[in-house]
Amino acid sequence: MALSKTAQKAVNKIDKALDKHDLSKQEKAEILKIIGKSLMQTVEETTDTHNQAMVICCGPEADLAHKIEEEVERKKIALIANLKALR
């Protein structure tokens, strides 16, 4: 599922949970921004954790580790660009 859809579903669930408070469009946009930032932070932390594990696991095969790291970094950049589009 695309991150924008995931974030929008989260906003909809929050809106439903707070239906008695009648959130404005501006408040919903702010919630969406908060969720986007949270997802970006989670992606970055998860990527760092996986990179550390990869280096430990693939230490002797440094070339393989570097190739994997480059691919992970490319995918992370694409994911972050997707998340920034949520703003």
PDB file of N, CA and C in Angstrom:
ATOM      1  N   MET A   1       0.848  -1.179   0.000  1.00  0.00           N
ATOM      2  CA  MET A   1       0.000   0.000   0.000  1.00  0.00           C
ATOM      3  C   MET A   1       0.891   1.238   0.000  1.00  0.00           C
ATOM      4  N   ALA A   2       0.532   2.196  -0.802  1.00  0.00           N
ATOM      5  CA  ALA A   2       1.303   3.444  -0.880  1.00  0.00           C
ATOM      6  C   ALA A   2       1.255   4.172   0.456  1.00  0.00           C
ATOM      7  N   LEU A   3       2.350   4.847   0.763  1.00  0.00           N
ATOM      8  CA  LEU A   3       2.417   5.556   2.043  1.00  0.00           C
ATOM      9  C   LEU A   3       1.367   6.655   2.144  1.00  0.00           C
ATOM     10  N   SER A   4       1.081   7.316   1.040  1.00  0.00           N
ATOM     11  CA  SER A   4       0.067   8.369   1.095  1.00  0.00           C
ATOM     12  C   SER A   4      -1.292   7.781   1.469  1.00  0.00           C
ATOM     13  N   LYS A   5      -1.589   6.593   0.959  1.00  0.00           N
ATOM     14  CA  LYS A   5      -2.857   5.940   1.318  1.00  0.00           C
ATOM     15  C   LYS A   5      -2.845   5.513   2.780  1.00  0.00           C
ATOM     16  N   THR A   6      -1.703   5.007   3.236  1.00  0.00           N
ATOM     17  CA  THR A   6      -1.578   4.605   4.643  1.00  0.00           C
ATOM     18  C   THR A   6      -1.781   5.804   5.559  1.00  0.00           C
ATOM     19  N   ALA A   7      -1.136   6.912   5.232  1.00  0.00           N
ATOM     20  CA  ALA A   7      -1.269   8.118   6.044  1.00  0.00           C
ATOM     21  C   ALA A   7      -2.700   8.637   6.013  1.00  0.00           C
ATOM     22  N   GLN A   8      -3.319   8.620   4.837  1.00  0.00           N
ATOM     23  CA  GLN A   8      -4.699   9.110   4.728  1.00  0.00           C
ATOM     24  C   GLN A   8      -5.648   8.228   5.522  1.00  0.00           C
ATOM     25  N   LYS A   9      -5.433   6.915   5.493  1.00  0.00           N
ATOM     26  CA  LYS A   9      -6.264   6.009   6.292  1.00  0.00           C
ATOM     27  C   LYS A   9      -6.108   6.318   7.778  1.00  0.00           C
ATOM     28  N   ALA A  10      -4.880   6.605   8.195  1.00  0.00           N
ATOM     29  CA  ALA A  10      -4.649   6.953   9.598  1.00  0.00           C
ATOM     30  C   ALA A  10      -5.393   8.230   9.967  1.00  0.00           C
ATOM     31  N   VAL A  11      -5.346   9.233   9.085  1.00  0.00           N
ATOM     32  CA  VAL A  11      -6.073  10.482   9.335  1.00  0.00           C
ATOM     33  C   VAL A  11      -7.565  10.212   9.432  1.00  0.00           C
ATOM     34  N   ASN A  12      -8.082   9.388   8.538  1.00  0.00           N
ATOM     35  CA  ASN A  12      -9.513   9.064   8.566  1.00  0.00           C
ATOM     36  C   ASN A  12      -9.903   8.365   9.858  1.00  0.00           C
ATOM     37  N   LYS A  13      -9.039   7.455  10.321  1.00  0.00           N
ATOM     38  CA  LYS A  13      -9.321   6.757  11.585  1.00  0.00           C
ATOM     39  C   LYS A  13      -9.277   7.727  12.766  1.00  0.00           C
ATOM     40  N   ILE A  14      -8.318   8.638  12.743  1.00  0.00           N
ATOM     41  CA  ILE A  14      -8.238   9.647  13.808  1.00  0.00           C
ATOM     42  C   ILE A  14      -9.472  10.537  13.771  1.00  0.00           C
ATOM     43  N   ASP A  15      -9.868  10.937  12.576  1.00  0.00           N
ATOM     44  CA  ASP A  15     -11.059  11.775  12.412  1.00  0.00           C
ATOM     45  C   ASP A  15     -12.290  11.048  12.950  1.00  0.00           C
ATOM     46  N   LYS A  16     -12.401   9.774  12.634  1.00  0.00           N
ATOM     47  CA  LYS A  16     -13.542   8.987  13.114  1.00  0.00           C
ATOM     48  C   LYS A  16     -13.516   8.865  14.643  1.00  0.00           C
ATOM     49  N   ALA A  17     -12.312   8.651  15.186  1.00  0.00           N
ATOM     50  CA  ALA A  17     -12.189   8.531  16.645  1.00  0.00           C
ATOM     51  C   ALA A  17     -12.536   9.839  17.342  1.00  0.00           C
ATOM     52  N   LEU A  18     -12.302  10.945  16.642  1.00  0.00           N
ATOM     53  CA  LEU A  18     -12.567  12.264  17.223  1.00  0.00           C
ATOM     54  C   LEU A  18     -13.794  12.916  16.584  1.00  0.00           C
ATOM     55  N   ASP A  19     -14.729  12.109  16.104  1.00  0.00           N
ATOM     56  CA  ASP A  19     -15.873  12.652  15.355  1.00  0.00           C
ATOM     57  C   ASP A  19     -16.707  13.651  16.147  1.00  0.00           C
ATOM     58  N   LYS A  20     -16.659  13.578  17.437  1.00  0.00           N
ATOM     59  CA  LYS A  20     -17.417  14.529  18.255  1.00  0.00           C
ATOM     60  C   LYS A  20     -16.752  15.910  18.264  1.00  0.00           C
ATOM     61  N   HIS A  21     -15.503  15.974  17.797  1.00  0.00           N
ATOM     62  CA  HIS A  21     -14.756  17.228  17.831  1.00  0.00           C
ATOM     63  C   HIS A  21     -14.764  17.964  16.494  1.00  0.00           C
ATOM     64  N   ASP A  22     -15.293  17.352  15.443  1.00  0.00           N
ATOM     65  CA  ASP A  22     -15.442  17.975  14.130  1.00  0.00           C
ATOM     66  C   ASP A  22     -14.178  18.725  13.692  1.00  0.00           C
ATOM     67  N   LEU A  23     -13.165  17.948  13.286  1.00  0.00           N
ATOM     68  CA  LEU A  23     -11.892  18.534  12.866  1.00  0.00           C
ATOM     69  C   LEU A  23     -12.048  19.334  11.579  1.00  0.00           C
ATOM     70  N   SER A  24     -11.354  20.452  11.519  1.00  0.00           N
ATOM     71  CA  SER A  24     -11.372  21.277  10.307  1.00  0.00           C
ATOM     72  C   SER A  24     -10.413  20.677   9.281  1.00  0.00           C
ATOM     73  N   LYS A  25     -10.500  21.165   8.041  1.00  0.00           N
ATOM     74  CA  LYS A  25      -9.578  20.692   6.997  1.00  0.00           C
ATOM     75  C   LYS A  25      -8.136  21.019   7.373  1.00  0.00           C
ATOM     76  N   GLN A  26      -7.933  22.169   7.982  1.00  0.00           N
ATOM     77  CA  GLN A  26      -6.593  22.570   8.399  1.00  0.00           C
ATOM     78  C   GLN A  26      -6.062  21.618   9.481  1.00  0.00           C
ATOM     79  N   GLU A  27      -6.911  21.250  10.428  1.00  0.00           N
ATOM     80  CA  GLU A  27      -6.492  20.322  11.478  1.00  0.00           C
ATOM     81  C   GLU A  27      -6.181  18.949  10.886  1.00  0.00           C
ATOM     82  N   LYS A  28      -6.995  18.497   9.929  1.00  0.00           N
ATOM     83  CA  LYS A  28      -6.731  17.213   9.271  1.00  0.00           C
ATOM     84  C   LYS A  28      -5.412  17.263   8.506  1.00  0.00           C
ATOM     85  N   ALA A  29      -5.128  18.379   7.853  1.00  0.00           N
ATOM     86  CA  ALA A  29      -3.869  18.536   7.116  1.00  0.00           C
ATOM     87  C   ALA A  29      -2.686  18.501   8.080  1.00  0.00           C
ATOM     88  N   GLU A  30      -2.847  19.118   9.240  1.00  0.00           N
ATOM     89  CA  GLU A  30      -1.781  19.117  10.240  1.00  0.00           C
ATOM     90  C   GLU A  30      -1.542  17.699  10.757  1.00  0.00           C
ATOM     91  N   ILE A  31      -2.619  16.955  10.975  1.00  0.00           N
ATOM     92  CA  ILE A  31      -2.482  15.564  11.418  1.00  0.00           C
ATOM     93  C   ILE A  31      -1.757  14.758  10.351  1.00  0.00           C
ATOM     94  N   LEU A  32      -2.114  14.956   9.093  1.00  0.00           N
ATOM     95  CA  LEU A  32      -1.465  14.254   7.989  1.00  0.00           C
ATOM     96  C   LEU A  32       0.031  14.577   7.949  1.00  0.00           C
ATOM     97  N   LYS A  33       0.382  15.834   8.197  1.00  0.00           N
ATOM     98  CA  LYS A  33       1.786  16.252   8.220  1.00  0.00           C
ATOM     99  C   LYS A  33       2.532  15.561   9.366  1.00  0.00           C
ATOM    100  N   ILE A  34       1.894  15.487  10.527  1.00  0.00           N
ATOM    101  CA  ILE A  34       2.503  14.834  11.688  1.00  0.00           C
ATOM    102  C   ILE A  34       2.735  13.360  11.398  1.00  0.00           C
ATOM    103  N   ILE A  35       1.750  12.709  10.798  1.00  0.00           N
ATOM    104  CA  ILE A  35       1.876  11.291  10.463  1.00  0.00           C
ATOM    105  C   ILE A  35       2.997  11.098   9.444  1.00  0.00           C
ATOM    106  N   GLY A  36       3.071  11.970   8.446  1.00  0.00           N
ATOM    107  CA  GLY A  36       4.132  11.883   7.445  1.00  0.00           C
ATOM    108  C   GLY A  36       5.516  12.005   8.055  1.00  0.00           C
ATOM    109  N   LYS A  37       5.683  12.973   8.949  1.00  0.00           N
ATOM    110  CA  LYS A  37       6.977  13.152   9.619  1.00  0.00           C
ATOM    111  C   LYS A  37       7.320  11.933  10.473  1.00  0.00           C
ATOM    112  N   SER A  38       6.318  11.394  11.140  1.00  0.00           N
ATOM    113  CA  SER A  38       6.533  10.216  11.970  1.00  0.00           C
ATOM    114  C   SER A  38       6.956   9.019  11.115  1.00  0.00           C
ATOM    115  N   LEU A  39       6.308   8.844   9.974  1.00  0.00           N
ATOM    116  CA  LEU A  39       6.681   7.753   9.068  1.00  0.00           C
ATOM    117  C   LEU A  39       8.104   7.939   8.548  1.00  0.00           C
ATOM    118  N   MET A  40       8.474   9.173   8.204  1.00  0.00           N
ATOM    119  CA  MET A  40       9.832   9.435   7.715  1.00  0.00           C
ATOM    120  C   MET A  40      10.866   9.093   8.781  1.00  0.00           C
ATOM    121  N   GLN A  41      10.602   9.494  10.003  1.00  0.00           N
ATOM    122  CA  GLN A  41      11.533   9.208  11.093  1.00  0.00           C
ATOM    123  C   GLN A  41      11.652   7.696  11.300  1.00  0.00           C
ATOM    124  N   THR A  42      10.539   7.000  11.241  1.00  0.00           N
ATOM    125  CA  THR A  42      10.546   5.553  11.412  1.00  0.00           C
ATOM    126  C   THR A  42      11.336   4.875  10.301  1.00  0.00           C
ATOM    127  N   VAL A  43      11.136   5.332   9.068  1.00  0.00           N
ATOM    128  CA  VAL A  43      11.872   4.768   7.930  1.00  0.00           C
ATOM    129  C   VAL A  43      13.371   4.982   8.118  1.00  0.00           C
ATOM    130  N   GLU A  44      13.762   6.179   8.497  1.00  0.00           N
ATOM    131  CA  GLU A  44      15.186   6.472   8.671  1.00  0.00           C
ATOM    132  C   GLU A  44      15.794   5.633   9.796  1.00  0.00           C
ATOM    133  N   GLU A  45      15.099   5.508  10.910  1.00  0.00           N
ATOM    134  CA  GLU A  45      15.617   4.719  12.033  1.00  0.00           C
ATOM    135  C   GLU A  45      15.693   3.243  11.666  1.00  0.00           C
ATOM    136  N   THR A  46      14.681   2.742  10.971  1.00  0.00           N
ATOM    137  CA  THR A  46      14.675   1.338  10.562  1.00  0.00           C
ATOM    138  C   THR A  46      15.799   1.067   9.579  1.00  0.00           C
ATOM    139  N   THR A  47      16.000   1.977   8.641  1.00  0.00           N
ATOM    140  CA  THR A  47      17.080   1.815   7.665  1.00  0.00           C
ATOM    141  C   THR A  47      18.430   1.781   8.363  1.00  0.00           C
ATOM    142  N   ASP A  48      18.649   2.676   9.306  1.00  0.00           N
ATOM    143  CA  ASP A  48      19.915   2.693  10.042  1.00  0.00           C
ATOM    144  C   ASP A  48      20.133   1.387  10.791  1.00  0.00           C
ATOM    145  N   THR A  49      19.087   0.882  11.426  1.00  0.00           N
ATOM    146  CA  THR A  49      19.179  -0.376  12.163  1.00  0.00           C
ATOM    147  C   THR A  49      19.516  -1.525  11.222  1.00  0.00           C
ATOM    148  N   HIS A  50      18.855  -1.559  10.064  1.00  0.00           N
ATOM    149  CA  HIS A  50      19.122  -2.628   9.101  1.00  0.00           C
ATOM    150  C   HIS A  50      20.532  -2.521   8.529  1.00  0.00           C
ATOM    151  N   ASN A  51      20.988  -1.298   8.289  1.00  0.00           N
ATOM    152  CA  ASN A  51      22.349  -1.110   7.784  1.00  0.00           C
ATOM    153  C   ASN A  51      23.378  -1.613   8.794  1.00  0.00           C
ATOM    154  N   GLN A  52      23.155  -1.327  10.060  1.00  0.00           N
ATOM    155  CA  GLN A  52      24.078  -1.795  11.096  1.00  0.00           C
ATOM    156  C   GLN A  52      24.100  -3.321  11.150  1.00  0.00           C
ATOM    157  N   ALA A  53      22.921  -3.926  11.070  1.00  0.00           N
ATOM    158  CA  ALA A  53      22.834  -5.386  11.094  1.00  0.00           C
ATOM    159  C   ALA A  53      23.522  -5.982   9.870  1.00  0.00           C
ATOM    160  N   MET A  54      23.366  -5.340   8.725  1.00  0.00           N
ATOM    161  CA  MET A  54      23.963  -5.825   7.491  1.00  0.00           C
ATOM    162  C   MET A  54      25.492  -5.802   7.591  1.00  0.00           C
ATOM    163  N   VAL A  55      26.033  -4.729   8.143  1.00  0.00           N
ATOM    164  CA  VAL A  55      27.485  -4.624   8.267  1.00  0.00           C
ATOM    165  C   VAL A  55      28.011  -5.714   9.198  1.00  0.00           C
ATOM    166  N   ILE A  56      27.306  -5.964  10.274  1.00  0.00           N
ATOM    167  CA  ILE A  56      27.715  -7.018  11.207  1.00  0.00           C
ATOM    168  C   ILE A  56      27.638  -8.378  10.526  1.00  0.00           C
ATOM    169  N   CYS A  57      26.536  -8.612   9.830  1.00  0.00           N
ATOM    170  CA  CYS A  57      26.292  -9.896   9.176  1.00  0.00           C
ATOM    171  C   CYS A  57      27.242 -10.127   8.006  1.00  0.00           C
ATOM    172  N   CYS A  58      27.446  -9.123   7.199  1.00  0.00           N
ATOM    173  CA  CYS A  58      28.207  -9.262   5.954  1.00  0.00           C
ATOM    174  C   CYS A  58      29.609  -8.681   6.057  1.00  0.00           C
ATOM    175  N   GLY A  59      30.125  -8.506   7.255  1.00  0.00           N
ATOM    176  CA  GLY A  59      31.436  -7.897   7.447  1.00  0.00           C
ATOM    177  C   GLY A  59      32.514  -8.458   6.531  1.00  0.00           C
ATOM    178  N   PRO A  60      32.689  -9.776   6.497  1.00  0.00           N
ATOM    179  CA  PRO A  60      33.729 -10.344   5.633  1.00  0.00           C
ATOM    180  C   PRO A  60      33.478 -10.109   4.140  1.00  0.00           C
ATOM    181  N   GLU A  61      32.229  -9.993   3.763  1.00  0.00           N
ATOM    182  CA  GLU A  61      31.884  -9.748   2.366  1.00  0.00           C
ATOM    183  C   GLU A  61      31.564  -8.269   2.184  1.00  0.00           C
ATOM    184  N   ALA A  62      32.524  -7.427   2.424  1.00  0.00           N
ATOM    185  CA  ALA A  62      32.299  -5.978   2.420  1.00  0.00           C
ATOM    186  C   ALA A  62      31.725  -5.483   1.107  1.00  0.00           C
ATOM    187  N   ASP A  63      32.153  -6.054  -0.013  1.00  0.00           N
ATOM    188  CA  ASP A  63      31.644  -5.612  -1.314  1.00  0.00           C
ATOM    189  C   ASP A  63      30.143  -5.868  -1.407  1.00  0.00           C
ATOM    190  N   LEU A  64      29.709  -7.025  -0.970  1.00  0.00           N
ATOM    191  CA  LEU A  64      28.278  -7.349  -0.978  1.00  0.00           C
ATOM    192  C   LEU A  64      27.520  -6.407  -0.046  1.00  0.00           C
ATOM    193  N   ALA A  65      28.095  -6.142   1.106  1.00  0.00           N
ATOM    194  CA  ALA A  65      27.460  -5.238   2.062  1.00  0.00           C
ATOM    195  C   ALA A  65      27.292  -3.841   1.465  1.00  0.00           C
ATOM    196  N   HIS A  66      28.291  -3.368   0.745  1.00  0.00           N
ATOM    197  CA  HIS A  66      28.214  -2.038   0.127  1.00  0.00           C
ATOM    198  C   HIS A  66      27.152  -2.000  -0.970  1.00  0.00           C
ATOM    199  N   LYS A  67      27.058  -3.061  -1.742  1.00  0.00           N
ATOM    200  CA  LYS A  67      26.037  -3.120  -2.798  1.00  0.00           C
ATOM    201  C   LYS A  67      24.638  -3.099  -2.182  1.00  0.00           C
ATOM    202  N   ILE A  68      24.453  -3.856  -1.127  1.00  0.00           N
ATOM    203  CA  ILE A  68      23.159  -3.883  -0.440  1.00  0.00           C
ATOM    204  C   ILE A  68      22.868  -2.507   0.153  1.00  0.00           C
ATOM    205  N   GLU A  69      23.874  -1.901   0.759  1.00  0.00           N
ATOM    206  CA  GLU A  69      23.695  -0.578   1.368  1.00  0.00           C
ATOM    207  C   GLU A  69      23.281   0.457   0.321  1.00  0.00           C
ATOM    208  N   GLU A  70      23.911   0.419  -0.845  1.00  0.00           N
ATOM    209  CA  GLU A  70      23.562   1.358  -1.914  1.00  0.00           C
ATOM    210  C   GLU A  70      22.118   1.173  -2.371  1.00  0.00           C
ATOM    211  N   GLU A  71      21.690  -0.066  -2.504  1.00  0.00           N
ATOM    212  CA  GLU A  71      20.311  -0.343  -2.928  1.00  0.00           C
ATOM    213  C   GLU A  71      19.317   0.121  -1.865  1.00  0.00           C
ATOM    214  N   VAL A  72      19.632  -0.149  -0.614  1.00  0.00           N
ATOM    215  CA  VAL A  72      18.768   0.290   0.493  1.00  0.00           C
ATOM    216  C   VAL A  72      18.678   1.810   0.503  1.00  0.00           C
ATOM    217  N   GLU A  73      19.791   2.472   0.296  1.00  0.00           N
ATOM    218  CA  GLU A  73      19.805   3.934   0.310  1.00  0.00           C
ATOM    219  C   GLU A  73      18.955   4.502  -0.822  1.00  0.00           C
ATOM    220  N   ARG A  74      19.042   3.894  -2.015  1.00  0.00           N
ATOM    221  CA  ARG A  74      18.211   4.354  -3.142  1.00  0.00           C
ATOM    222  C   ARG A  74      16.729   4.213  -2.818  1.00  0.00           C
ATOM    223  N   LYS A  75      16.369   3.081  -2.236  1.00  0.00           N
ATOM    224  CA  LYS A  75      14.963   2.853  -1.896  1.00  0.00           C
ATOM    225  C   LYS A  75      14.513   3.785  -0.774  1.00  0.00           C
ATOM    226  N   LYS A  76      15.410   4.067   0.167  1.00  0.00           N
ATOM    227  CA  LYS A  76      15.085   4.996   1.263  1.00  0.00           C
ATOM    228  C   LYS A  76      14.836   6.393   0.709  1.00  0.00           C
ATOM    229  N   ILE A  77      15.669   6.829  -0.221  1.00  0.00           N
ATOM    230  CA  ILE A  77      15.500   8.156  -0.817  1.00  0.00           C
ATOM    231  C   ILE A  77      14.161   8.245  -1.537  1.00  0.00           C
ATOM    232  N   ALA A  78      13.804   7.203  -2.270  1.00  0.00           N
ATOM    233  CA  ALA A  78      12.515   7.192  -2.973  1.00  0.00           C
ATOM    234  C   ALA A  78      11.358   7.218  -1.984  1.00  0.00           C
ATOM    235  N   LEU A  79      11.482   6.474  -0.903  1.00  0.00           N
ATOM    236  CA  LEU A  79      10.433   6.426   0.110  1.00  0.00           C
ATOM    237  C   LEU A  79      10.274   7.777   0.796  1.00  0.00           C
ATOM    238  N   ILE A  80      11.374   8.418   1.120  1.00  0.00           N
ATOM    239  CA  ILE A  80      11.317   9.729   1.772  1.00  0.00           C
ATOM    240  C   ILE A  80      10.707  10.761   0.827  1.00  0.00           C
ATOM    241  N   ALA A  81      11.040  10.677  -0.447  1.00  0.00           N
ATOM    242  CA  ALA A  81      10.436  11.592  -1.426  1.00  0.00           C
ATOM    243  C   ALA A  81       8.925  11.382  -1.467  1.00  0.00           C
ATOM    244  N   ASN A  82       8.511  10.126  -1.401  1.00  0.00           N
ATOM    245  CA  ASN A  82       7.082   9.809  -1.365  1.00  0.00           C
ATOM    246  C   ASN A  82       6.429  10.412  -0.122  1.00  0.00           C
ATOM    247  N   LEU A  83       7.089  10.276   1.011  1.00  0.00           N
ATOM    248  CA  LEU A  83       6.545  10.831   2.253  1.00  0.00           C
ATOM    249  C   LEU A  83       6.486  12.349   2.227  1.00  0.00           C
ATOM    250  N   LYS A  84       7.509  12.990   1.645  1.00  0.00           N
ATOM    251  CA  LYS A  84       7.514  14.441   1.568  1.00  0.00           C
ATOM    252  C   LYS A  84       6.380  14.953   0.681  1.00  0.00           C
ATOM    253  N   ALA A  85       5.971  14.130  -0.262  1.00  0.00           N
ATOM    254  CA  ALA A  85       4.860  14.512  -1.136  1.00  0.00           C
ATOM    255  C   ALA A  85       3.540  14.594  -0.364  1.00  0.00           C
ATOM    256  N   LEU A  86       3.506  13.981   0.808  1.00  0.00           N
ATOM    257  CA  LEU A  86       2.298  14.035   1.647  1.00  0.00           C
ATOM    258  C   LEU A  86       2.063  15.421   2.203  1.00  0.00           C
ATOM    259  N   ARG A  87       3.102  16.223   2.305  1.00  0.00           N
ATOM    260  CA  ARG A  87       2.995  17.543   2.941  1.00  0.00           C
ATOM    261  C   ARG A  87       2.167  18.473   2.150  1.00  0.00           C
TER     262      ARG A  87
END
